[in-house]
């Protein structure tokens, strides 16, 4: 369980604002295969504000 929490806590997202349009977008840092599998399995994209 500790390893799962570690892997999930290493997933990084950022909000980036474009200079000219001032629009913001969410950028996800590249994940390793284990992180991507967990992210998908736990359906975590539903928590991202799109």
Protein backbone atom coordinates (compact mmCIF):
# COMPACT_ATOMS: atom_id res chain seq x y z
CA UNK A 1 0.00 0.00 0.00
CA UNK A 2 2.84 2.37 0.84
CA UNK A 3 4.36 1.89 -2.64
CA UNK A 4 1.00 2.67 -4.28
CA UNK A 5 0.68 5.90 -2.32
CA UNK A 6 4.27 6.83 -3.20
CA UNK A 7 3.69 6.26 -6.91
CA UNK A 8 0.44 8.22 -6.90
CA UNK A 9 1.92 11.12 -4.95
CA UNK A 10 4.67 11.48 -7.56
CA UNK A 11 2.17 12.32 -10.32
CA UNK A 12 2.50 16.02 -11.10
CA UNK A 13 0.10 18.41 -12.78
CA UNK A 14 0.51 22.12 -13.46
CA UNK A 15 -1.67 24.99 -14.60
CA UNK A 16 0.01 26.96 -17.39
CA UNK A 17 -1.20 30.33 -18.63
CA UNK A 18 -0.50 31.34 -22.22
CA UNK A 19 1.15 34.74 -22.49
CA UNK A 20 -0.86 36.26 -25.29
CA UNK A 21 -4.33 34.81 -24.87
CA UNK A 22 -4.16 34.52 -21.07
CA UNK A 23 -5.91 31.16 -21.39
CA UNK A 24 -4.96 28.53 -18.85
CA UNK A 25 -4.53 24.85 -19.45
CA UNK A 26 -3.66 21.85 -17.32
CA UNK A 27 -0.46 20.01 -18.15
CA UNK A 28 0.32 16.57 -16.78
CA UNK A 29 3.92 15.59 -16.31
CA UNK A 30 4.99 12.39 -18.00
CA UNK A 31 4.20 9.34 -15.87
CA UNK A 32 6.02 6.05 -15.70
CA UNK A 33 4.11 2.92 -16.71
CA UNK A 34 3.10 2.04 -13.15
CA UNK A 35 1.78 5.55 -12.49
CA UNK A 36 -0.12 5.58 -15.78
CA UNK A 37 -1.66 2.19 -15.00
CA UNK A 38 -2.75 3.33 -11.54
CA UNK A 39 -4.08 6.62 -12.90
CA UNK A 40 -6.14 4.78 -15.47
CA UNK A 41 -7.28 1.95 -13.18
CA UNK A 42 -8.44 4.40 -10.49
CA UNK A 43 -10.17 6.57 -13.12
CA UNK A 44 -8.40 9.65 -11.74
CA UNK A 45 -8.97 11.81 -14.81
CA UNK A 46 -12.45 12.51 -13.45
CA UNK A 47 -10.78 14.68 -10.78
CA UNK A 48 -9.07 16.95 -13.29
CA UNK A 49 -10.88 20.24 -13.88
CA UNK A 50 -11.46 20.26 -17.66
